[in-house]
Amino acid sequence: MNIKKYVALIILCAGLSHSGSAVVLLFEFDARVQAVNSSFPIVEIDDLIAGEIRVDLDTLPTDSFGSSSVAAYLYGGLGIPGYMIQFDTGDELVSFDSLDSTGGDGLTPGIFMYDIVSDEQQLSFVLREEGDIDKGVSIDLFDLTDPNELFGSDDFSADNLDLENLDDSRFVYLNGNSSVFVATIENIQLNVIPEPSTYALLFMGLAALAFRAFKKR
């Protein structure tokens, strides 16, 4: 194979990497602790908690409700990857992954959009650990200002979400039947991250190895 063919192969793989990208929504937030359960002293009142929510739109489940007023993207017990919530208490990094989440009684892992009550919209992120019906995290974002602008429809996408005018948004970490702590979200930002697909990266790696072998000839 001559040099032109190697170059063409690398260009092709780069094109596959671009076209095979998965879009990940990254929500980065800071939350101020307002209430603490003394049985779980991992934070103190007024501590600032930094965290993030990652949602891979390529593996986002279909809406289970199909209603204009309620949308539910459910992950519990389905082994679906691509949805994670993690936060840093300062002493501990706590992570929840949809791949390990479970269904059944207790918190329902998923992403929920509510537009039921007049002048109120709610976007909720919920995850919990496999095998523990109540250990998990719930993040609720509220838009209570008329006209509501948190989302325009039940479509979970970056273009449909507006986090600029949130009210009374909260973050709750649960262990058993009790809240470990409750925090108020002080700010949250949404970023869109394109991620190359696994196969595209593999093709690019093989092309690079082939090119190195060619140069040694």
Protein backbone atom coordinates (compact mmCIF):
# COMPACT_ATOMS: atom_id res chain seq x y z
CA MET A 1 0.00 0.00 0.00
CA ASN A 2 1.45 3.41 -0.98
CA ILE A 3 1.50 6.59 1.07
CA LYS A 4 -1.57 8.04 -0.69
CA LYS A 5 -3.67 5.08 0.38
CA TYR A 6 -2.49 5.43 3.98
CA VAL A 7 -3.41 9.10 3.99
CA ALA A 8 -6.81 8.31 2.49
CA LEU A 9 -7.41 5.68 5.19
CA ILE A 10 -6.58 8.12 7.98
CA ILE A 11 -8.87 10.77 6.46
CA LEU A 12 -11.67 8.20 6.21
CA CYS A 13 -11.24 7.23 9.86
CA ALA A 14 -11.28 10.86 10.92
CA GLY A 15 -14.55 11.27 9.04
CA LEU A 16 -15.98 8.22 10.79
CA SER A 17 -14.93 9.67 14.12
CA HIS A 18 -16.81 12.88 13.41
CA SER A 19 -19.94 11.26 12.00
CA GLY A 20 -19.96 8.60 14.73
CA SER A 21 -19.86 11.07 17.62
CA ALA A 22 -22.26 10.69 20.51
CA VAL A 23 -23.59 13.85 22.13
CA VAL A 24 -23.27 14.02 25.90
CA LEU A 25 -25.10 16.63 27.98
CA LEU A 26 -22.97 17.72 30.93
CA PHE A 27 -24.71 19.56 33.77
CA GLU A 28 -22.20 21.03 36.24
CA PHE A 29 -23.58 22.40 39.49
CA ASP A 30 -22.74 23.82 42.91
CA ALA A 31 -25.09 23.23 45.84
CA ARG A 32 -25.09 24.71 49.34
CA VAL A 33 -25.94 22.29 52.18
CA GLN A 34 -29.04 23.42 54.10
CA ALA A 35 -29.86 20.40 56.27
CA VAL A 36 -27.80 17.45 57.55
CA ASN A 37 -28.70 14.11 59.12
CA SER A 38 -26.43 13.72 62.15
CA SER A 39 -26.41 9.93 61.63
CA PHE A 40 -24.42 10.46 58.40
CA PRO A 41 -21.89 13.21 59.17
CA ILE A 42 -20.25 13.46 55.75
CA VAL A 43 -20.96 17.19 55.30
CA GLU A 44 -21.84 20.20 57.41
CA ILE A 45 -24.43 22.91 57.01
CA ASP A 46 -23.29 25.63 54.58
CA ASP A 47 -20.74 23.32 52.89
CA LEU A 48 -20.52 23.79 49.13
CA ILE A 49 -21.00 20.59 47.10
CA ALA A 50 -19.68 20.42 43.53
CA GLY A 51 -21.20 17.88 41.20
CA GLU A 52 -22.13 16.91 37.67
CA ILE A 53 -24.73 15.02 35.69
CA ARG A 54 -23.78 13.29 32.45
CA VAL A 55 -26.35 12.06 29.95
CA ASP A 56 -25.33 10.35 26.73
CA LEU A 57 -28.14 11.09 24.27
CA ASP A 58 -27.07 8.13 22.15
CA THR A 59 -28.26 5.74 24.89
CA LEU A 60 -31.16 7.85 26.20
CA PRO A 61 -34.24 5.60 26.64
CA THR A 62 -37.48 6.47 24.90
CA ASP A 63 -40.03 8.52 26.78
CA SER A 64 -42.20 6.06 28.75
CA PHE A 65 -45.16 8.44 29.04
CA GLY A 66 -45.47 10.04 25.64
CA SER A 67 -47.48 12.87 27.17
CA SER A 68 -47.09 16.59 26.50
CA SER A 69 -47.18 17.28 30.25
CA VAL A 70 -44.98 14.44 31.58
CA ALA A 71 -41.86 12.81 30.16
CA ALA A 72 -40.06 9.90 31.84
CA TYR A 73 -36.80 8.45 30.57
CA LEU A 74 -36.40 5.36 32.75
CA TYR A 75 -33.12 3.54 33.48
CA GLY A 76 -33.86 1.33 36.49
CA GLY A 77 -32.86 -2.31 36.12
CA LEU A 78 -32.36 -2.06 32.35
CA GLY A 79 -28.56 -2.04 32.24
CA ILE A 80 -28.50 1.12 30.13
CA PRO A 81 -25.18 3.02 30.25
CA GLY A 82 -24.54 6.69 29.68
CA TYR A 83 -26.28 8.38 32.64
CA MET A 84 -24.19 9.33 35.67
CA ILE A 85 -24.44 11.61 38.68
CA GLN A 86 -21.45 12.32 40.86
CA PHE A 87 -20.59 14.88 43.50
CA ASP A 88 -17.67 15.79 45.72
CA THR A 89 -18.23 16.41 49.43
CA GLY A 90 -14.63 17.52 49.91
CA ASP A 91 -13.73 14.25 51.63
CA GLU A 92 -15.47 11.78 49.33
CA LEU A 93 -16.38 11.47 45.65
CA VAL A 94 -19.81 9.84 45.37
CA SER A 95 -20.92 8.39 42.03
CA PHE A 96 -24.07 6.78 40.69
CA ASP A 97 -24.18 5.05 37.30
CA SER A 98 -27.29 4.04 35.36
CA LEU A 99 -25.51 0.87 34.26
CA ASP A 100 -25.66 -0.36 37.88
CA SER A 101 -29.04 1.08 38.83
CA THR A 102 -31.95 -1.14 39.76
CA GLY A 103 -35.72 -1.05 39.41
CA GLY A 104 -38.48 -2.12 41.74
CA ASP A 105 -39.63 -0.33 44.88
CA GLY A 106 -37.93 2.84 46.07
CA LEU A 107 -36.42 5.65 44.06
CA THR A 108 -37.07 5.32 40.33
CA PRO A 109 -33.85 5.91 38.35
CA GLY A 110 -34.51 8.18 35.43
CA ILE A 111 -34.89 11.66 34.01
CA PHE A 112 -38.29 13.30 34.44
CA MET A 113 -39.89 16.40 32.97
CA TYR A 114 -43.12 17.73 34.51
CA ASP A 115 -45.36 20.47 33.13
CA ILE A 116 -48.53 19.60 35.03
CA VAL A 117 -49.19 22.55 37.34
CA SER A 118 -49.88 25.99 35.89
CA ASP A 119 -46.83 28.27 35.98
CA GLU A 120 -44.52 25.47 37.13
CA GLN A 121 -42.06 23.24 35.32
CA GLN A 122 -39.80 20.63 36.90
CA LEU A 123 -36.80 18.69 35.58
CA SER A 124 -35.61 15.86 37.84
CA PHE A 125 -32.59 13.55 37.77
CA VAL A 126 -32.75 10.41 39.94
CA LEU A 127 -30.30 7.53 40.40
CA ARG A 128 -29.81 4.88 43.06
CA GLU A 129 -27.48 1.99 43.73
CA GLU A 130 -28.21 -1.57 42.69
CA GLY A 131 -29.49 -3.69 45.56
CA ASP A 132 -30.41 -0.74 47.78
CA ILE A 133 -33.94 0.52 47.30
CA ASP A 134 -33.38 3.90 48.90
CA LYS A 135 -29.69 4.84 48.67
CA GLY A 136 -29.44 7.36 45.91
CA VAL A 137 -29.60 10.93 44.76
CA SER A 138 -32.38 13.19 43.52
CA ILE A 139 -31.81 16.54 41.82
CA ASP A 140 -34.88 18.69 41.14
CA LEU A 141 -34.78 21.85 39.03
CA PHE A 142 -37.80 24.16 39.17
CA ASP A 143 -38.98 27.04 37.02
CA LEU A 144 -41.78 28.81 38.91
CA THR A 145 -41.76 32.06 36.94
CA ASP A 146 -44.47 32.76 34.40
CA PRO A 147 -43.90 32.27 31.51
CA ASN A 148 -42.00 29.02 32.17
CA GLU A 149 -38.88 28.58 30.06
CA LEU A 150 -37.16 25.52 31.57
CA PHE A 151 -38.22 23.47 28.54
CA GLY A 152 -40.45 24.02 25.55
CA SER A 153 -41.60 20.42 25.04
CA ASP A 154 -41.09 16.94 26.48
CA ASP A 155 -37.96 16.45 24.37
CA PHE A 156 -34.81 16.00 26.48
CA SER A 157 -32.19 17.81 24.42
CA ALA A 158 -29.83 20.76 24.79
CA ASP A 159 -31.84 22.93 22.41
CA ASN A 160 -35.00 22.36 24.44
CA LEU A 161 -33.55 23.21 27.87
CA ASP A 162 -33.05 26.67 29.39
CA LEU A 163 -31.48 26.75 32.87
CA GLU A 164 -31.24 30.53 33.16
CA ASN A 165 -34.36 31.15 35.29
CA LEU A 166 -34.48 28.43 37.93
CA ASP A 167 -36.23 28.75 41.30
CA ASP A 168 -35.88 26.70 44.48
CA SER A 169 -33.78 23.94 42.91
CA ARG A 170 -32.57 21.28 45.32
CA PHE A 171 -30.23 18.33 45.67
CA VAL A 172 -30.99 15.45 48.05
CA TYR A 173 -28.67 12.56 48.94
CA LEU A 174 -30.49 9.61 50.50
CA ASN A 175 -29.32 6.64 52.55
CA GLY A 176 -31.96 4.20 53.71
CA ASN A 177 -35.17 6.01 54.53
CA SER A 178 -33.38 9.20 55.59
CA SER A 179 -31.87 12.17 53.83
CA VAL A 180 -28.11 12.32 54.39
CA PHE A 181 -28.25 15.97 53.43
CA VAL A 182 -30.36 18.46 51.52
CA ALA A 183 -28.71 21.23 49.50
CA THR A 184 -29.90 24.18 47.47
CA ILE A 185 -28.45 24.41 43.97
CA GLU A 186 -26.83 27.82 43.64
CA ASN A 187 -25.81 27.53 40.00
CA ILE A 188 -25.93 24.97 37.23
CA GLN A 189 -24.54 25.06 33.70
CA LEU A 190 -25.25 22.88 30.69
CA ASN A 191 -22.51 22.01 28.21
CA VAL A 192 -22.72 19.83 25.12
CA ILE A 193 -19.80 17.45 24.66
CA PRO A 194 -19.37 15.50 21.39
CA GLU A 195 -17.66 12.17 22.07
CA PRO A 196 -16.20 10.04 19.24
CA SER A 197 -17.66 6.57 19.01
CA THR A 198 -15.59 3.60 20.15
CA TYR A 199 -15.39 2.10 16.65
CA ALA A 200 -14.23 5.37 15.10
CA LEU A 201 -11.44 5.65 17.66
CA LEU A 202 -10.46 2.04 17.00
CA PHE A 203 -10.24 2.65 13.25
CA MET A 204 -8.11 5.74 13.79
CA GLY A 205 -5.77 3.80 16.07
CA LEU A 206 -5.36 1.02 13.51
CA ALA A 207 -4.67 3.55 10.77
CA ALA A 208 -2.00 5.21 12.89
CA LEU A 209 -0.34 1.84 13.58
CA ALA A 210 -0.40 0.98 9.91
CA PHE A 211 1.18 4.32 9.02
CA ARG A 212 3.97 3.77 11.56
CA ALA A 213 4.64 0.32 10.08
CA PHE A 214 4.78 1.87 6.61
CA LYS A 215 7.36 4.46 7.70
CA LYS A 216 9.64 1.72 9.06
CA ARG A 217 9.71 -0.09 5.72
